[in-house]
Amino acid sequence: MAQPCPHPIAGSKVSRMTPHFFGYGSLVNLSTHDYPDARNATLRGWRREWRHTDVQPFAFLSARPVSGAEIDGVIAAVPNAD
C-alpha cells in the first residue's frame, strides 16, 4: 500500500502550494515517469471506471467518487508549476 503523500494539502499554512498531478492506470507508475519527486500514492474515496459517450466511438478511463474505494497511482509536482 502506498504511504501518505507529505506534500502540502488544501487548508494548510503553506503560503504558496505547488500544483501536483495524480496519474493512475496500467501505464502510470514510477517506471514510466521520471519526475524527480514522483511517488506512489493512493486516492481514497474514488474508483476507476470506463466511460462511454456519444461524442467518441470509444470508451475512456475516468474516476468517480465511491465510498470505501481506492485508486493506486503516482503523484508528482507539475513541471514548472504551469
C-alpha atoms as a PDB file:
ATOM      1  CA  MET A   1       0.000   0.000   0.000  1.00  0.00           C
ATOM      2  CA  ALA A   2       1.243   3.480  -0.812  1.00  0.00           C
ATOM      3  CA  GLN A   3       2.304   5.780   2.002  1.00  0.00           C
ATOM      4  CA  PRO A   4       0.528   9.108   2.615  1.00  0.00           C
ATOM      5  CA  CYS A   5       1.957  11.909   0.497  1.00  0.00           C
ATOM      6  CA  PRO A   6       3.854  14.508   2.554  1.00  0.00           C
ATOM      7  CA  HIS A   7       3.052  17.345   0.134  1.00  0.00           C
ATOM      8  CA  PRO A   8       1.013  20.338   1.362  1.00  0.00           C
ATOM      9  CA  ILE A   9      -2.754  19.956   1.203  1.00  0.00           C
ATOM     10  CA  ALA A  10      -5.600  22.430   0.966  1.00  0.00           C
ATOM     11  CA  GLY A  11      -6.129  24.296   4.196  1.00  0.00           C
ATOM     12  CA  SER A  12      -2.509  24.018   5.321  1.00  0.00           C
ATOM     13  CA  LYS A  13      -0.444  27.012   6.422  1.00  0.00           C
ATOM     14  CA  VAL A  14       1.669  26.963   3.225  1.00  0.00           C
ATOM     15  CA  SER A  15       1.638  30.386   1.567  1.00  0.00           C
ATOM     16  CA  ARG A  16       2.017  29.033  -1.985  1.00  0.00           C
ATOM     17  CA  MET A  17       1.069  25.493  -2.870  1.00  0.00           C
ATOM     18  CA  THR A  18       2.893  23.660  -5.627  1.00  0.00           C
ATOM     19  CA  PRO A  19       0.430  22.127  -8.098  1.00  0.00           C
ATOM     20  CA  HIS A  20       0.585  18.326  -8.359  1.00  0.00           C
ATOM     21  CA  PHE A  21      -0.967  15.739 -10.624  1.00  0.00           C
ATOM     22  CA  PHE A  22      -2.236  12.273  -9.802  1.00  0.00           C
ATOM     23  CA  GLY A  23      -1.982   9.668 -12.529  1.00  0.00           C
ATOM     24  CA  TYR A  24      -3.350   6.135 -12.498  1.00  0.00           C
ATOM     25  CA  GLY A  25      -3.752   3.203 -14.836  1.00  0.00           C
ATOM     26  CA  SER A  26      -1.542   0.496 -16.256  1.00  0.00           C
ATOM     27  CA  LEU A  27       0.819   2.980 -17.964  1.00  0.00           C
ATOM     28  CA  VAL A  28       1.277   5.331 -14.995  1.00  0.00           C
ATOM     29  CA  ASN A  29       3.853   4.141 -12.480  1.00  0.00           C
ATOM     30  CA  LEU A  30       7.327   5.024 -11.235  1.00  0.00           C
ATOM     31  CA  SER A  31       8.882   3.017 -14.091  1.00  0.00           C
ATOM     32  CA  THR A  32       7.125   5.094 -16.781  1.00  0.00           C
ATOM     33  CA  HIS A  33       7.622   8.574 -15.293  1.00  0.00           C
ATOM     34  CA  ASP A  34      10.873  10.165 -14.215  1.00  0.00           C
ATOM     35  CA  TYR A  35       9.766  13.295 -12.392  1.00  0.00           C
ATOM     36  CA  PRO A  36      12.274  13.948  -9.605  1.00  0.00           C
ATOM     37  CA  ASP A  37       9.705  13.902  -6.795  1.00  0.00           C
ATOM     38  CA  ALA A  38       7.257  11.297  -8.140  1.00  0.00           C
ATOM     39  CA  ARG A  39       5.994   8.825  -5.560  1.00  0.00           C
ATOM     40  CA  ASN A  40       3.368   6.130  -5.256  1.00  0.00           C
ATOM     41  CA  ALA A  41       0.076   7.399  -3.843  1.00  0.00           C
ATOM     42  CA  THR A  42      -3.414   6.160  -3.042  1.00  0.00           C
ATOM     43  CA  LEU A  43      -6.528   8.210  -3.780  1.00  0.00           C
ATOM     44  CA  ARG A  44      -9.177   7.192  -1.258  1.00  0.00           C
ATOM     45  CA  GLY A  45     -12.892   7.527  -1.932  1.00  0.00           C
ATOM     46  CA  TRP A  46     -12.613   7.127  -5.731  1.00  0.00           C
ATOM     47  CA  ARG A  47     -12.952   4.185  -8.152  1.00  0.00           C
ATOM     48  CA  ARG A  48     -11.680   3.808 -11.709  1.00  0.00           C
ATOM     49  CA  GLU A  49     -14.276   3.271 -14.401  1.00  0.00           C
ATOM     50  CA  TRP A  50     -14.556   3.155 -18.171  1.00  0.00           C
ATOM     51  CA  ARG A  51     -16.994   5.708 -19.563  1.00  0.00           C
ATOM     52  CA  HIS A  52     -18.716   5.879 -22.919  1.00  0.00           C
ATOM     53  CA  THR A  53     -20.070   8.996 -24.609  1.00  0.00           C
ATOM     54  CA  ASP A  54     -21.970   9.773 -27.797  1.00  0.00           C
ATOM     55  CA  VAL A  55     -19.140  12.140 -28.800  1.00  0.00           C
ATOM     56  CA  GLN A  56     -16.458   9.461 -29.369  1.00  0.00           C
ATOM     57  CA  PRO A  57     -16.750   5.877 -30.619  1.00  0.00           C
ATOM     58  CA  PHE A  58     -14.551   4.569 -27.792  1.00  0.00           C
ATOM     59  CA  ALA A  59     -14.508   4.443 -24.003  1.00  0.00           C
ATOM     60  CA  PHE A  60     -12.131   6.439 -21.801  1.00  0.00           C
ATOM     61  CA  LEU A  61     -10.784   5.770 -18.327  1.00  0.00           C
ATOM     62  CA  SER A  62     -12.162   8.075 -15.656  1.00  0.00           C
ATOM     63  CA  ALA A  63     -12.854   8.070 -11.934  1.00  0.00           C
ATOM     64  CA  ARG A  64     -15.959   8.531  -9.826  1.00  0.00           C
ATOM     65  CA  PRO A  65     -16.439   9.005  -6.093  1.00  0.00           C
ATOM     66  CA  VAL A  66     -17.251   5.733  -4.277  1.00  0.00           C
ATOM     67  CA  SER A  67     -17.123   5.433  -0.505  1.00  0.00           C
ATOM     68  CA  GLY A  68     -14.505   2.938   0.641  1.00  0.00           C
ATOM     69  CA  ALA A  69     -12.862   2.598  -2.787  1.00  0.00           C
ATOM     70  CA  GLU A  70      -9.191   3.360  -3.554  1.00  0.00           C
ATOM     71  CA  ILE A  71      -7.119   4.043  -6.651  1.00  0.00           C
ATOM     72  CA  ASP A  72      -3.376   3.399  -6.596  1.00  0.00           C
ATOM     73  CA  GLY A  73      -1.305   5.714  -8.750  1.00  0.00           C
ATOM     74  CA  VAL A  74       1.544   8.214  -8.855  1.00  0.00           C
ATOM     75  CA  ILE A  75       1.676  11.812  -7.621  1.00  0.00           C
ATOM     76  CA  ALA A  76       4.269  14.380  -8.689  1.00  0.00           C
ATOM     77  CA  ALA A  77       4.708  18.132  -8.892  1.00  0.00           C
ATOM     78  CA  VAL A  78       3.610  19.749 -12.143  1.00  0.00           C
ATOM     79  CA  PRO A  79       6.828  20.669 -14.015  1.00  0.00           C
ATOM     80  CA  ASN A  80       7.500  24.409 -13.689  1.00  0.00           C
ATOM     81  CA  ALA A  81       4.162  24.717 -11.818  1.00  0.00           C
ATOM     82  CA  ASP A  82       2.359  25.505 -15.072  1.00  0.00           C
END
